[in-house]
Amino acid sequence: MSTAFFAFLRRAPQGVQNCFDVESRKLDTDALERYLGFASSGEAVLARFFASVWCRSNDDFDFDVLDVGRLDYEQRQIISDWVLNPIWP
C-alpha cells in the first residue's frame, strides 16, 4: 500500500486516522463504524471520503460529494487537493 496515502491521511482528523492501521496497512471498518457514531458531520464526511479512496469504491461508505459543501475551508482543501492529484493506496 502507498506510503503517500498514509502521508496524505495525516491531514485528516485524528479520529479518521485511527480507523486505519498503518503497520498492517488496513482499514478497520469496525472502528470506522464506531467513529461515525460520534464524529462531527465534517469528520464523518472526511472519514467516508478516506474510506472510499482506500477501497476505490463508494459502495459501502456512502460518501456524497454534495456533503463537501458543509465542510470548513481546511477540510474542503483536503478533498480538492486529492481531486487535483489523486493518491491511491
C-alpha atoms as a PDB file:
ATOM      1  CA  MET A   1       0.000   0.000   0.000  1.00  0.00           C
ATOM      2  CA  SER A   2       1.060   3.531  -0.709  1.00  0.00           C
ATOM      3  CA  THR A   3       3.231   5.409   1.746  1.00  0.00           C
ATOM      4  CA  ALA A   4       1.974   8.562   0.022  1.00  0.00           C
ATOM      5  CA  PHE A   5      -1.599   7.692   1.018  1.00  0.00           C
ATOM      6  CA  PHE A   6      -0.648   7.440   4.682  1.00  0.00           C
ATOM      7  CA  ALA A   7       1.212  10.740   4.456  1.00  0.00           C
ATOM      8  CA  PHE A   8      -1.949  12.270   2.960  1.00  0.00           C
ATOM      9  CA  LEU A   9      -4.065  10.638   5.682  1.00  0.00           C
ATOM     10  CA  ARG A  10      -2.136  12.650   8.307  1.00  0.00           C
ATOM     11  CA  ARG A  11      -4.114  15.692   7.144  1.00  0.00           C
ATOM     12  CA  ALA A  12      -7.330  14.057   8.364  1.00  0.00           C
ATOM     13  CA  PRO A  13      -8.694  14.433  11.900  1.00  0.00           C
ATOM     14  CA  GLN A  14      -7.110  12.041  14.395  1.00  0.00           C
ATOM     15  CA  GLY A  15     -10.317  10.051  14.677  1.00  0.00           C
ATOM     16  CA  VAL A  16     -10.230   9.315  10.947  1.00  0.00           C
ATOM     17  CA  GLN A  17      -6.565   8.363  11.139  1.00  0.00           C
ATOM     18  CA  ASN A  18      -7.351   5.966  13.979  1.00  0.00           C
ATOM     19  CA  CYS A  19      -9.587   3.943  11.640  1.00  0.00           C
ATOM     20  CA  PHE A  20      -6.516   2.939   9.626  1.00  0.00           C
ATOM     21  CA  ASP A  21      -3.752   0.627  10.821  1.00  0.00           C
ATOM     22  CA  VAL A  22      -0.581   1.997   9.301  1.00  0.00           C
ATOM     23  CA  GLU A  23       1.544  -1.016  10.281  1.00  0.00           C
ATOM     24  CA  SER A  24      -0.738  -3.657   8.798  1.00  0.00           C
ATOM     25  CA  ARG A  25      -1.913  -1.298   6.019  1.00  0.00           C
ATOM     26  CA  LYS A  26      -5.611  -1.919   6.665  1.00  0.00           C
ATOM     27  CA  LEU A  27      -8.816  -0.014   7.173  1.00  0.00           C
ATOM     28  CA  ASP A  28     -10.561  -1.106  10.374  1.00  0.00           C
ATOM     29  CA  THR A  29     -14.179  -0.984   9.238  1.00  0.00           C
ATOM     30  CA  ASP A  30     -15.455  -1.723  12.750  1.00  0.00           C
ATOM     31  CA  ALA A  31     -13.529   1.273  14.102  1.00  0.00           C
ATOM     32  CA  LEU A  32     -14.879   3.356  11.226  1.00  0.00           C
ATOM     33  CA  GLU A  33     -18.475   2.418  12.037  1.00  0.00           C
ATOM     34  CA  ARG A  34     -17.921   3.256  15.724  1.00  0.00           C
ATOM     35  CA  TYR A  35     -16.300   6.565  14.805  1.00  0.00           C
ATOM     36  CA  LEU A  36     -19.160   7.541  12.504  1.00  0.00           C
ATOM     37  CA  GLY A  37     -21.474   7.122  15.500  1.00  0.00           C
ATOM     38  CA  PHE A  38     -19.960  10.097  17.336  1.00  0.00           C
ATOM     39  CA  ALA A  39     -17.936  12.064  14.765  1.00  0.00           C
ATOM     40  CA  SER A  40     -18.983  15.582  13.836  1.00  0.00           C
ATOM     41  CA  SER A  41     -20.676  15.907  10.454  1.00  0.00           C
ATOM     42  CA  GLY A  42     -17.462  17.222   8.877  1.00  0.00           C
ATOM     43  CA  GLU A  43     -15.343  14.457  10.394  1.00  0.00           C
ATOM     44  CA  ALA A  44     -17.857  11.883   9.136  1.00  0.00           C
ATOM     45  CA  VAL A  45     -17.646  13.267   5.583  1.00  0.00           C
ATOM     46  CA  LEU A  46     -13.854  13.040   5.690  1.00  0.00           C
ATOM     47  CA  ALA A  47     -13.974   9.538   7.168  1.00  0.00           C
ATOM     48  CA  ARG A  48     -16.249   8.369   4.364  1.00  0.00           C
ATOM     49  CA  PHE A  49     -14.040  10.098   1.796  1.00  0.00           C
ATOM     50  CA  PHE A  50     -10.824   8.449   3.017  1.00  0.00           C
ATOM     51  CA  ALA A  51     -12.500   5.042   3.321  1.00  0.00           C
ATOM     52  CA  SER A  52     -13.868   5.330  -0.225  1.00  0.00           C
ATOM     53  CA  VAL A  53     -10.450   6.284  -1.587  1.00  0.00           C
ATOM     54  CA  TRP A  54      -8.878   3.407   0.338  1.00  0.00           C
ATOM     55  CA  CYS A  55     -11.297   0.877  -1.140  1.00  0.00           C
ATOM     56  CA  ARG A  56     -11.509   2.605  -4.528  1.00  0.00           C
ATOM     57  CA  SER A  57     -15.239   2.299  -4.154  1.00  0.00           C
ATOM     58  CA  ASN A  58     -18.098   4.147  -2.554  1.00  0.00           C
ATOM     59  CA  ASP A  59     -20.317   1.081  -2.305  1.00  0.00           C
ATOM     60  CA  ASP A  60     -20.013   0.664   1.465  1.00  0.00           C
ATOM     61  CA  PHE A  61     -19.269   4.148   2.768  1.00  0.00           C
ATOM     62  CA  ASP A  62     -21.957   6.431   1.367  1.00  0.00           C
ATOM     63  CA  PHE A  63     -19.633   9.342   0.564  1.00  0.00           C
ATOM     64  CA  ASP A  64     -21.666  12.091  -1.106  1.00  0.00           C
ATOM     65  CA  VAL A  65     -19.726  14.839  -2.863  1.00  0.00           C
ATOM     66  CA  LEU A  66     -22.552  17.281  -2.099  1.00  0.00           C
ATOM     67  CA  ASP A  67     -21.745  16.899   1.607  1.00  0.00           C
ATOM     68  CA  VAL A  68     -18.388  18.573   0.904  1.00  0.00           C
ATOM     69  CA  GLY A  69     -20.292  21.883   0.885  1.00  0.00           C
ATOM     70  CA  ARG A  70     -20.790  21.522   4.663  1.00  0.00           C
ATOM     71  CA  LEU A  71     -17.071  21.308   5.347  1.00  0.00           C
ATOM     72  CA  ASP A  72     -14.882  24.137   6.523  1.00  0.00           C
ATOM     73  CA  TYR A  73     -12.169  25.511   4.239  1.00  0.00           C
ATOM     74  CA  GLU A  74      -9.357  23.251   5.520  1.00  0.00           C
ATOM     75  CA  GLN A  75     -11.499  20.134   5.223  1.00  0.00           C
ATOM     76  CA  ARG A  76     -12.602  21.052   1.681  1.00  0.00           C
ATOM     77  CA  GLN A  77      -8.966  21.703   0.791  1.00  0.00           C
ATOM     78  CA  ILE A  78      -8.043  18.106   1.671  1.00  0.00           C
ATOM     79  CA  ILE A  79     -10.589  16.763  -0.795  1.00  0.00           C
ATOM     80  CA  SER A  80      -9.851  19.328  -3.514  1.00  0.00           C
ATOM     81  CA  ASP A  81      -6.126  18.585  -3.259  1.00  0.00           C
ATOM     82  CA  TRP A  82      -6.917  14.914  -3.771  1.00  0.00           C
ATOM     83  CA  VAL A  83      -9.145  15.664  -6.778  1.00  0.00           C
ATOM     84  CA  LEU A  84      -6.320  17.626  -8.395  1.00  0.00           C
ATOM     85  CA  ASN A  85      -3.705  14.992  -7.537  1.00  0.00           C
ATOM     86  CA  PRO A  86      -5.270  11.641  -6.599  1.00  0.00           C
ATOM     87  CA  ILE A  87      -3.273   9.458  -4.242  1.00  0.00           C
ATOM     88  CA  TRP A  88      -4.320   5.817  -4.217  1.00  0.00           C
ATOM     89  CA  PRO A  89      -3.274   3.285  -1.605  1.00  0.00           C
END
